[in-house]
Amino acid sequence: MANENEIAIPCVGYNEMSEDWELLHDLLGGTKAMRDAGEKWLPKEPREEGYFQRLNRSILYNAYRDTLNKLANRPFAHPISFTDLPEQLEYLKEDVDATGKSFETFAKEVLTDLINYGIAHIFVDHSELSEIADGATLTKADEERLGARVLLNIIHPPNLIGWQTEIVNKRIKLTQIRVKEIITESTGKYGDIDINYVKLYTETGWEIYKEVKPENDKEEITWTLIDSGEHTFGRISLITIYANRTGFMMAEPALMDLAWLNLAHWQSYSDQRHILRISRFGLLFGKGFPKEMVGASLDVGPSKAFLTTNPESDLKYVEHTGKSIEAGAKDIEDIEIKMEILGQQPLMRTAPLSTATAKRIDESRNISQLQSWIRGLEKGLLQVVKMAGEWRKIDIPDTVKIDIFSDFEVAIYGATDKELLLKIRTEGEITRETFLREEQRRGVLSGEMDPEAEAEAAEQENANGLKDLFDEEPEEPEIEPEEEPVEKEDEE
């Protein structure tokens, strides 16, 4: 680049998205982060002398973080299913980045970014073998012997600070990305310090820039190139997944409306706690006292008395009527209900299409938001596998598939139809295996259970003489009547 010090300047698209991220990050940071933000999220009233006392008594009801965690965790109540994953890439199931992170944990982190930011980035990298092989040309067998492998890394949206593109055959092609990183490095004998880095990736190579901090406040921060290299992949190995796309490499947070409601709750709850504090103390009101007593500090207690010769004087406590407290409580309750509704919306299916023709044209529209996000995640992870195959020159079959659990409609609404399901099974309209699968979908049975094997085991038990619980009612055991004693006639 012409000026190395420009390497860390975010692009326009990044700046547009980052405006929304400030609120999300502070909400995810909890009460401490919201207090640290001060007047940004909790405005100070004119001439409010006790603002910092009110701020430090405010507590965040973190509906946003709770909803985000529940949505991101829900698909992984069941393990991810792989179909026809090449044996050479099997290690990705247990370790995606050479640190022991499982594919399931990796996918959950990607989904969390996807929901939180409306966009997620996966960078498919490859282990460096040039240093190991001292620059020698390696065969595929050599690479396998040296432990060559792909490395899957999540680039969180706040860290991808810039990108450049060009149009090729009427398609947008990514030609450059810039990624910032903070690395903690040792300093001195016992200390450490956070150092900022920016990595530049192009279609043919990479560069690493390090921040050089000034010795005094008058100097500007500078950046210096510390390393560079080339790669043979031929393009930037970045996979981007969208949940709420607004443009190329751009999106809006999927739960932004919930975040604003959570902010309203933070502010209303702060007001409520403040007024409760005031209303808990009665206000001492007096009239008819001499001027020398007005404005003077008064000692109040059980052994104190106030005397005056004015027969019109009065001294009493004035208490809060509580009307504003009730209004504040109602406002908080209303916000919490709305947050709960917004938090459930991603799990709700969209309204059915109006006509049969429309349904045939687009059956896929009748799915929930979370289900659509999961489908996007599955497609993105499949692209990752194919890109990993390109890195390692492995043929990826067309049948390869990644399945993530997304049958949430049953999980939400299935509790009401369990009796009906049992009735259908009892009447013999469905098989035992189907019944077990449906109960598994509703969360009654463990997701790790194999319904087919369980049905076979139950069949074997029945063959061994155990009664099927769903067959006809057991007959009442017959009880032999006791023999009545025969009375002997009196002998004459």
Foldseek 3Di string as FASTA:
>chain_A
DVAQQCLPAFDPQLVVLVVLVVLVVLLLVFLVSVLVVPCVLANDDPPPPCRNVLSVVFGFPNLPNVLLVCLLCVLPLFPKDWDQQDPVQVCQQQAQAVPRDGPSNVLSVQLSLCQFRQKWKKAKAKDDCCVVVVNDDDDLVRCVVVPIAIHIDTQRSNFFRYWDWDADPNDTATFKTKGKDWDWADDDDDRIDTWIKIKMDGQWKIWIKTWDDDPDPVDDIGIDTDDMDTDDLRGGRMFMFGLADDDVSHGGNNLSVLSVLSSVLSNLSSVLVVVVVVQVDWDKDKPDADPVPPPDDDDDDPPDDDDDPDPPIDIDTDGDPCPVNVVSVVVNVVSVVVSVVSSCQQQAFDDDDDDPVVCVVPVPNRGGSSLVSVVSSFVRVVSSSVSRCSVSVHDRDPPIGMDTDDLCVCLVPVVVCLVVLLVCVLVPVDAQLVSVVSCVSNVNDRSPDDSVVVSVVVVVVVVVPDDDPSYDDDDDDDDDDDDDDDDDDDDD
